[in-house]
Amino acid sequence: MVIAAVYFVIAVGAAVVSGRNLDRHLQGPRLRAAWAEGLTAEARCTAVRTEEAQDAEGGFVLHAHPTLEFRTGDGRTVSFEERQSRLTPAEGDFVTVYYGAANPQDATTRAPSFGMRHARTVITAAGCFFALISAVVIAVVA
């Protein structure tokens, strides 16, 4: 029983750390802050920077990073490079951006989604559930 309890505590800790790391990797805090206030604006693509990267199979892929410029509700002009979107507008195209009033430079073109808003919670909960099931099996078998 003690082994199962120790396993459970360690596994829950690992689930929490994994959820936090995934959330940071997906830029969850930045995206949630941009979506929180519900502010949107039309942004114009002023430039597109391409970057060549190597994929897992050794082939090369091009990633486009558009520079977008928009005006906030209080009249400030903000320019930022979008790095986390699959959106590839051409120079001069207009797209909708989501931003927070406190940090409009952290805007994003990614629309709010359940998965991005709750990725950390879902991963942590799934890890805790599997930790509980495993601990019960260990307690029964041992």
Protein backbone atom coordinates (compact mmCIF):
# COMPACT_ATOMS: atom_id res chain seq x y z
CA MET A 1 0.00 0.00 0.00
CA VAL A 2 2.88 2.40 0.80
CA ILE A 3 4.45 1.72 -2.58
CA ALA A 4 1.16 2.53 -4.30
CA ALA A 5 0.83 5.80 -2.35
CA VAL A 6 4.40 6.87 -3.18
CA TYR A 7 3.84 5.95 -6.83
CA PHE A 8 0.61 7.97 -6.88
CA VAL A 9 2.26 11.10 -5.45
CA ILE A 10 5.16 10.92 -7.90
CA ALA A 11 2.87 10.24 -10.88
CA VAL A 12 0.54 13.13 -9.99
CA GLY A 13 3.56 15.43 -9.70
CA ALA A 14 4.75 14.28 -13.13
CA ALA A 15 1.28 14.90 -14.59
CA VAL A 16 1.21 18.45 -13.20
CA VAL A 17 4.70 19.22 -14.52
CA SER A 18 3.84 17.73 -17.92
CA GLY A 19 0.66 19.81 -18.14
CA ARG A 20 2.53 22.99 -17.23
CA ASN A 21 5.32 22.30 -19.73
CA LEU A 22 2.87 21.56 -22.54
CA ASP A 23 0.95 24.73 -21.73
CA ARG A 24 4.13 26.82 -21.92
CA HIS A 25 5.25 25.12 -25.13
CA LEU A 26 1.90 25.87 -26.76
CA GLN A 27 2.10 29.46 -25.43
CA GLY A 28 -1.12 28.95 -23.50
CA PRO A 29 -0.66 31.85 -21.04
CA ARG A 30 0.02 34.34 -23.87
CA LEU A 31 -2.92 33.11 -25.93
CA ARG A 32 -5.37 33.08 -23.00
CA ALA A 33 -4.33 36.65 -22.13
CA ALA A 34 -4.94 37.74 -25.74
CA TRP A 35 -8.38 36.07 -25.78
CA ALA A 36 -9.47 37.05 -22.24
CA GLU A 37 -10.79 40.54 -22.98
CA GLY A 38 -12.40 39.64 -26.28
CA LEU A 39 -10.74 42.54 -28.11
CA THR A 40 -10.28 42.11 -31.86
CA ALA A 41 -8.94 44.25 -34.67
CA GLU A 42 -8.31 43.97 -38.38
CA ALA A 43 -4.58 43.74 -39.01
CA ARG A 44 -2.74 44.25 -42.27
CA CYS A 45 0.13 41.99 -43.24
CA THR A 46 3.12 44.28 -43.82
CA ALA A 47 5.73 41.60 -44.53
CA VAL A 48 6.22 37.83 -44.57
CA ARG A 49 9.49 36.34 -43.34
CA THR A 50 10.23 32.76 -44.35
CA GLU A 51 12.36 30.38 -42.38
CA GLU A 52 13.70 27.04 -43.54
CA ALA A 53 13.70 24.19 -41.04
CA GLN A 54 14.45 20.49 -41.16
CA ASP A 55 11.65 18.05 -40.37
CA ALA A 56 11.97 14.70 -38.58
CA GLU A 57 12.63 12.79 -41.82
CA GLY A 58 15.48 15.10 -42.81
CA GLY A 59 13.53 17.04 -45.43
CA PHE A 60 13.32 20.80 -45.47
CA VAL A 61 10.13 22.79 -44.88
CA LEU A 62 9.45 26.50 -45.14
CA HIS A 63 7.70 28.33 -42.32
CA ALA A 64 6.12 31.69 -43.02
CA HIS A 65 5.97 34.30 -40.25
CA PRO A 66 3.79 37.26 -41.20
CA THR A 67 4.38 40.68 -39.66
CA LEU A 68 1.00 42.17 -38.84
CA GLU A 69 0.07 45.73 -37.98
CA PHE A 70 -3.18 46.87 -36.36
CA ARG A 71 -4.65 49.79 -34.44
CA THR A 72 -5.92 49.22 -30.90
CA GLY A 73 -9.19 50.62 -29.59
CA ASP A 74 -7.34 53.55 -28.00
CA GLY A 75 -5.58 54.41 -31.29
CA ARG A 76 -2.12 52.89 -30.76
CA THR A 77 -0.52 51.21 -33.77
CA VAL A 78 0.95 47.82 -32.93
CA SER A 79 3.14 45.63 -35.11
CA PHE A 80 4.03 42.02 -34.27
CA GLU A 81 5.31 38.87 -35.93
CA GLU A 82 2.92 35.91 -35.73
CA ARG A 83 4.89 32.72 -35.12
CA GLN A 84 2.26 30.30 -33.84
CA SER A 85 -0.33 30.32 -36.59
CA ARG A 86 -0.88 28.22 -39.67
CA LEU A 87 -2.23 31.35 -41.29
CA THR A 88 -0.10 32.58 -44.20
CA PRO A 89 -1.50 35.86 -45.50
CA ALA A 90 0.16 37.61 -48.41
CA GLU A 91 1.59 41.05 -47.94
CA GLY A 92 -1.29 43.54 -47.92
CA ASP A 93 -3.94 41.01 -46.79
CA PHE A 94 -6.14 41.74 -43.78
CA VAL A 95 -6.71 39.26 -40.95
CA THR A 96 -8.48 39.35 -37.57
CA VAL A 97 -6.25 39.50 -34.51
CA TYR A 98 -7.11 38.94 -30.85
CA TYR A 99 -5.32 41.04 -28.24
CA GLY A 100 -5.37 42.19 -24.65
CA ALA A 101 -5.40 45.91 -23.85
CA ALA A 102 -2.46 45.61 -21.43
CA ASN A 103 -0.16 43.84 -23.92
CA PRO A 104 -1.40 44.33 -27.48
CA GLN A 105 2.03 43.29 -28.83
CA ASP A 106 1.18 39.75 -27.65
CA ALA A 107 -1.70 39.55 -30.14
CA THR A 108 -2.48 36.40 -32.08
CA THR A 109 -4.41 35.38 -35.19
CA ARG A 110 -5.39 32.09 -33.56
CA ALA A 111 -9.08 32.01 -32.75
CA PRO A 112 -10.06 30.95 -29.22
CA SER A 113 -10.53 27.19 -28.90
CA PHE A 114 -11.46 24.81 -26.11
CA GLY A 115 -8.30 22.77 -26.62
CA MET A 116 -5.93 25.70 -26.24
CA ARG A 117 -7.84 27.22 -23.35
CA HIS A 118 -7.91 23.98 -21.36
CA ALA A 119 -4.90 21.95 -22.59
CA ARG A 120 -3.10 22.18 -19.26
CA THR A 121 -6.16 21.05 -17.27
CA VAL A 122 -6.98 18.18 -19.63
CA ILE A 123 -3.42 16.82 -19.70
CA THR A 124 -3.04 17.13 -15.92
CA ALA A 125 -6.44 15.49 -15.27
CA ALA A 126 -5.69 12.61 -17.66
CA GLY A 127 -2.30 12.04 -16.01
CA CYS A 128 -3.87 12.08 -12.53
CA PHE A 129 -6.58 9.65 -13.63
CA PHE A 130 -4.02 7.17 -14.98
CA ALA A 131 -1.91 7.64 -11.83
CA LEU A 132 -4.92 6.76 -9.68
CA ILE A 133 -5.79 3.67 -11.73
CA SER A 134 -2.16 2.50 -11.67
CA ALA A 135 -1.87 3.08 -7.93
CA VAL A 136 -5.04 1.06 -7.31
CA VAL A 137 -3.70 -1.82 -9.43
CA ILE A 138 -0.36 -1.70 -7.59
CA ALA A 139 -2.16 -1.71 -4.21
CA VAL A 140 -4.35 -4.67 -5.19
CA VAL A 141 -1.49 -6.71 -6.67
CA ALA A 142 1.10 -5.95 -3.99
